[in-house]
């Protein structure tokens, strides 16, 4: 799976949407479109395809999105 596919897959996960919802002001449910926008905003890109050619954006996806989400998800599973 490449980084563009990863970003797309994350946005469609219900648990990822729940994680993103924590950052919504005001609090609200987050759907796949809103989660995808969160990824683009956090990574500083207009389109997921930019992740394949922008190493800084790819680094932001890894360090600001994927790793924190995985840590949160693992913590949720430990308490389930």
N, C-alpha and C. Protein backbone atom coordinates (compact mmCIF):
# COMPACT_ATOMS: atom_id res chain seq x y z
N UNK A 1 0.85 -1.17 0.00
CA UNK A 1 0.00 0.00 0.00
C UNK A 1 0.90 1.24 0.00
N UNK A 2 0.62 2.16 -0.90
CA UNK A 2 1.41 3.39 -0.91
C UNK A 2 0.77 4.44 0.00
N UNK A 3 1.45 5.55 0.15
CA UNK A 3 1.01 6.57 1.11
C UNK A 3 -0.32 7.21 0.72
N UNK A 4 -0.56 7.35 -0.58
CA UNK A 4 -1.83 7.91 -1.04
C UNK A 4 -2.97 6.96 -0.70
N UNK A 5 -2.76 5.68 -0.91
CA UNK A 5 -3.78 4.68 -0.55
C UNK A 5 -4.00 4.65 0.95
N UNK A 6 -2.93 4.76 1.72
CA UNK A 6 -3.04 4.78 3.18
C UNK A 6 -3.93 5.93 3.64
N UNK A 7 -3.70 7.11 3.10
CA UNK A 7 -4.50 8.28 3.49
C UNK A 7 -5.97 8.05 3.15
N UNK A 8 -6.24 7.47 1.99
CA UNK A 8 -7.62 7.19 1.61
C UNK A 8 -8.27 6.15 2.50
N UNK A 9 -7.51 5.13 2.83
CA UNK A 9 -8.03 4.07 3.69
C UNK A 9 -8.33 4.60 5.09
N UNK A 10 -7.44 5.41 5.63
CA UNK A 10 -7.66 5.96 6.97
C UNK A 10 -8.97 6.73 7.04
N UNK A 11 -9.20 7.58 6.06
CA UNK A 11 -10.39 8.45 6.08
C UNK A 11 -11.68 7.66 6.07
N UNK A 12 -11.66 6.44 5.56
CA UNK A 12 -12.87 5.63 5.48
C UNK A 12 -13.09 4.74 6.71
N UNK A 13 -12.16 4.74 7.64
CA UNK A 13 -12.29 3.90 8.84
C UNK A 13 -13.15 4.61 9.89
N UNK A 14 -14.09 3.88 10.45
CA UNK A 14 -14.96 4.46 11.48
C UNK A 14 -14.15 4.88 12.71
N UNK A 15 -13.16 4.07 13.09
CA UNK A 15 -12.37 4.44 14.26
C UNK A 15 -11.51 5.67 14.00
N UNK A 16 -11.05 5.85 12.77
CA UNK A 16 -10.29 7.06 12.44
C UNK A 16 -11.20 8.28 12.51
N UNK A 17 -12.42 8.14 11.99
CA UNK A 17 -13.38 9.25 12.07
C UNK A 17 -13.67 9.62 13.52
N UNK A 18 -13.76 8.62 14.39
CA UNK A 18 -13.98 8.89 15.82
C UNK A 18 -12.79 9.62 16.41
N UNK A 19 -11.59 9.25 16.00
CA UNK A 19 -10.38 9.92 16.49
C UNK A 19 -10.37 11.38 16.03
N UNK A 20 -10.68 11.60 14.76
CA UNK A 20 -10.72 12.97 14.22
C UNK A 20 -11.78 13.79 14.93
N UNK A 21 -12.91 13.17 15.27
CA UNK A 21 -14.00 13.89 15.92
C UNK A 21 -13.56 14.56 17.22
N UNK A 22 -12.57 14.01 17.87
CA UNK A 22 -12.05 14.62 19.10
C UNK A 22 -11.51 16.02 18.87
N UNK A 23 -11.08 16.30 17.65
CA UNK A 23 -10.48 17.59 17.32
C UNK A 23 -11.46 18.57 16.70
N UNK A 24 -12.71 18.16 16.56
CA UNK A 24 -13.73 19.01 15.93
C UNK A 24 -14.23 20.04 16.92
N UNK A 25 -14.29 21.28 16.45
CA UNK A 25 -14.83 22.36 17.27
C UNK A 25 -15.89 23.05 16.43
N UNK A 26 -17.15 23.01 16.85
CA UNK A 26 -17.66 22.31 18.03
C UNK A 26 -17.66 20.80 17.79
N UNK A 27 -17.77 20.03 18.86
CA UNK A 27 -17.79 18.57 18.71
C UNK A 27 -18.92 18.13 17.78
N UNK A 28 -18.62 17.20 16.91
CA UNK A 28 -19.61 16.69 15.96
C UNK A 28 -19.14 15.35 15.44
N UNK A 29 -20.07 14.64 14.82
CA UNK A 29 -19.70 13.40 14.15
C UNK A 29 -18.88 13.74 12.91
N UNK A 30 -17.94 12.89 12.58
CA UNK A 30 -17.07 13.10 11.43
C UNK A 30 -17.30 11.96 10.45
N UNK A 31 -17.57 12.32 9.20
CA UNK A 31 -17.73 11.31 8.16
C UNK A 31 -16.41 11.19 7.37
N UNK A 32 -16.39 10.31 6.37
CA UNK A 32 -15.18 10.08 5.60
C UNK A 32 -14.70 11.34 4.88
N UNK A 33 -15.62 12.16 4.40
CA UNK A 33 -15.22 13.39 3.71
C UNK A 33 -14.54 14.36 4.67
N UNK A 34 -15.09 14.50 5.86
CA UNK A 34 -14.49 15.39 6.86
C UNK A 34 -13.14 14.84 7.33
N UNK A 35 -13.04 13.53 7.47
CA UNK A 35 -11.77 12.92 7.87
C UNK A 35 -10.71 13.12 6.79
N UNK A 36 -11.11 13.01 5.53
CA UNK A 36 -10.18 13.25 4.42
C UNK A 36 -9.70 14.70 4.43
N UNK A 37 -10.63 15.62 4.72
CA UNK A 37 -10.24 17.04 4.79
C UNK A 37 -9.28 17.27 5.96
N UNK A 38 -9.51 16.61 7.07
CA UNK A 38 -8.60 16.70 8.21
C UNK A 38 -7.20 16.27 7.80
N UNK A 39 -7.10 15.17 7.07
CA UNK A 39 -5.79 14.69 6.61
C UNK A 39 -5.14 15.72 5.70
N UNK A 40 -5.89 16.24 4.73
CA UNK A 40 -5.32 17.24 3.82
C UNK A 40 -4.87 18.49 4.58
N UNK A 41 -5.70 18.96 5.48
CA UNK A 41 -5.35 20.16 6.25
C UNK A 41 -4.11 19.92 7.11
N UNK A 42 -4.08 18.80 7.80
CA UNK A 42 -2.95 18.50 8.68
C UNK A 42 -1.66 18.33 7.90
N UNK A 43 -1.75 17.75 6.72
CA UNK A 43 -0.56 17.51 5.91
C UNK A 43 -0.19 18.70 5.04
N UNK A 44 -1.08 19.68 4.94
CA UNK A 44 -0.80 20.88 4.16
C UNK A 44 -0.83 20.63 2.66
N UNK A 45 -1.79 19.81 2.22
CA UNK A 45 -1.92 19.52 0.79
C UNK A 45 -3.35 19.80 0.34
N UNK A 46 -3.53 19.97 -0.95
CA UNK A 46 -4.85 20.16 -1.53
C UNK A 46 -5.47 18.85 -1.94
N UNK A 47 -4.61 17.85 -2.22
CA UNK A 47 -5.06 16.56 -2.71
C UNK A 47 -4.17 15.47 -2.12
N UNK A 48 -4.76 14.30 -1.86
CA UNK A 48 -3.97 13.17 -1.35
C UNK A 48 -2.81 12.83 -2.28
N UNK A 49 -2.99 13.02 -3.56
CA UNK A 49 -1.94 12.65 -4.52
C UNK A 49 -0.63 13.40 -4.26
N UNK A 50 -0.71 14.58 -3.64
CA UNK A 50 0.49 15.34 -3.32
C UNK A 50 1.37 14.62 -2.31
N UNK A 51 0.78 13.72 -1.53
CA UNK A 51 1.57 12.98 -0.54
C UNK A 51 2.66 12.14 -1.20
N UNK A 52 2.42 11.71 -2.44
CA UNK A 52 3.38 10.87 -3.15
C UNK A 52 4.61 11.66 -3.61
N UNK A 53 4.47 12.98 -3.73
CA UNK A 53 5.56 13.79 -4.27
C UNK A 53 6.08 14.85 -3.31
N UNK A 54 5.47 14.96 -2.16
CA UNK A 54 5.86 15.98 -1.18
C UNK A 54 6.33 15.27 0.09
N UNK A 55 7.66 15.12 0.24
CA UNK A 55 8.17 14.38 1.40
C UNK A 55 7.79 15.00 2.74
N UNK A 56 7.69 16.32 2.81
CA UNK A 56 7.31 16.95 4.07
C UNK A 56 5.87 16.62 4.44
N UNK A 57 4.99 16.63 3.45
CA UNK A 57 3.59 16.27 3.69
C UNK A 57 3.48 14.81 4.10
N UNK A 58 4.24 13.95 3.45
CA UNK A 58 4.24 12.53 3.80
C UNK A 58 4.73 12.34 5.23
N UNK A 59 5.73 13.10 5.62
CA UNK A 59 6.24 13.02 6.99
C UNK A 59 5.18 13.48 7.99
N UNK A 60 4.44 14.55 7.64
CA UNK A 60 3.36 15.01 8.52
C UNK A 60 2.27 13.95 8.65
N UNK A 61 1.96 13.26 7.54
CA UNK A 61 0.96 12.19 7.63
C UNK A 61 1.40 11.13 8.63
N UNK A 62 2.65 10.76 8.56
CA UNK A 62 3.17 9.72 9.45
C UNK A 62 3.21 10.19 10.91
N UNK A 63 3.76 11.39 11.14
CA UNK A 63 4.01 11.83 12.52
C UNK A 63 2.84 12.53 13.19
N UNK A 64 2.00 13.20 12.41
CA UNK A 64 0.89 13.97 13.00
C UNK A 64 -0.46 13.27 12.87
N UNK A 65 -0.53 12.28 11.98
CA UNK A 65 -1.82 11.62 11.75
C UNK A 65 -1.73 10.13 12.09
N UNK A 66 -0.95 9.38 11.32
CA UNK A 66 -0.97 7.92 11.48
C UNK A 66 -0.49 7.46 12.84
N UNK A 67 0.68 7.89 13.28
CA UNK A 67 1.20 7.42 14.57
C UNK A 67 0.29 7.80 15.74
N UNK A 68 -0.16 9.06 15.84
CA UNK A 68 -1.08 9.37 16.95
C UNK A 68 -2.38 8.58 16.88
N UNK A 69 -2.91 8.38 15.66
CA UNK A 69 -4.13 7.58 15.54
C UNK A 69 -3.90 6.15 16.00
N UNK A 70 -2.82 5.53 15.56
CA UNK A 70 -2.54 4.14 15.95
C UNK A 70 -2.38 4.03 17.46
N UNK A 71 -1.69 4.99 18.06
CA UNK A 71 -1.52 4.97 19.53
C UNK A 71 -2.88 5.09 20.21
N UNK A 72 -3.73 5.99 19.73
CA UNK A 72 -5.07 6.15 20.29
C UNK A 72 -5.88 4.87 20.12
N UNK A 73 -5.85 4.30 18.91
CA UNK A 73 -6.60 3.07 18.63
C UNK A 73 -6.14 1.92 19.53
N UNK A 74 -4.84 1.79 19.69
CA UNK A 74 -4.31 0.72 20.55
C UNK A 74 -4.76 0.94 22.00
N UNK A 75 -4.78 2.17 22.44
CA UNK A 75 -5.22 2.49 23.80
C UNK A 75 -6.70 2.14 23.97
N UNK A 76 -7.50 2.45 22.95
CA UNK A 76 -8.94 2.13 23.01
C UNK A 76 -9.14 0.62 23.11
N UNK A 77 -8.36 -0.13 22.36
CA UNK A 77 -8.50 -1.60 22.36
C UNK A 77 -8.08 -2.18 23.70
N UNK A 78 -7.11 -1.56 24.36
CA UNK A 78 -6.66 -2.05 25.66
C UNK A 78 -7.75 -1.88 26.71
N UNK A 79 -8.57 -0.85 26.54
CA UNK A 79 -9.62 -0.55 27.53
C UNK A 79 -10.97 -1.10 27.12
N UNK A 80 -11.02 -1.85 26.08
CA UNK A 80 -12.30 -2.41 25.62
C UNK A 80 -12.65 -3.70 26.34
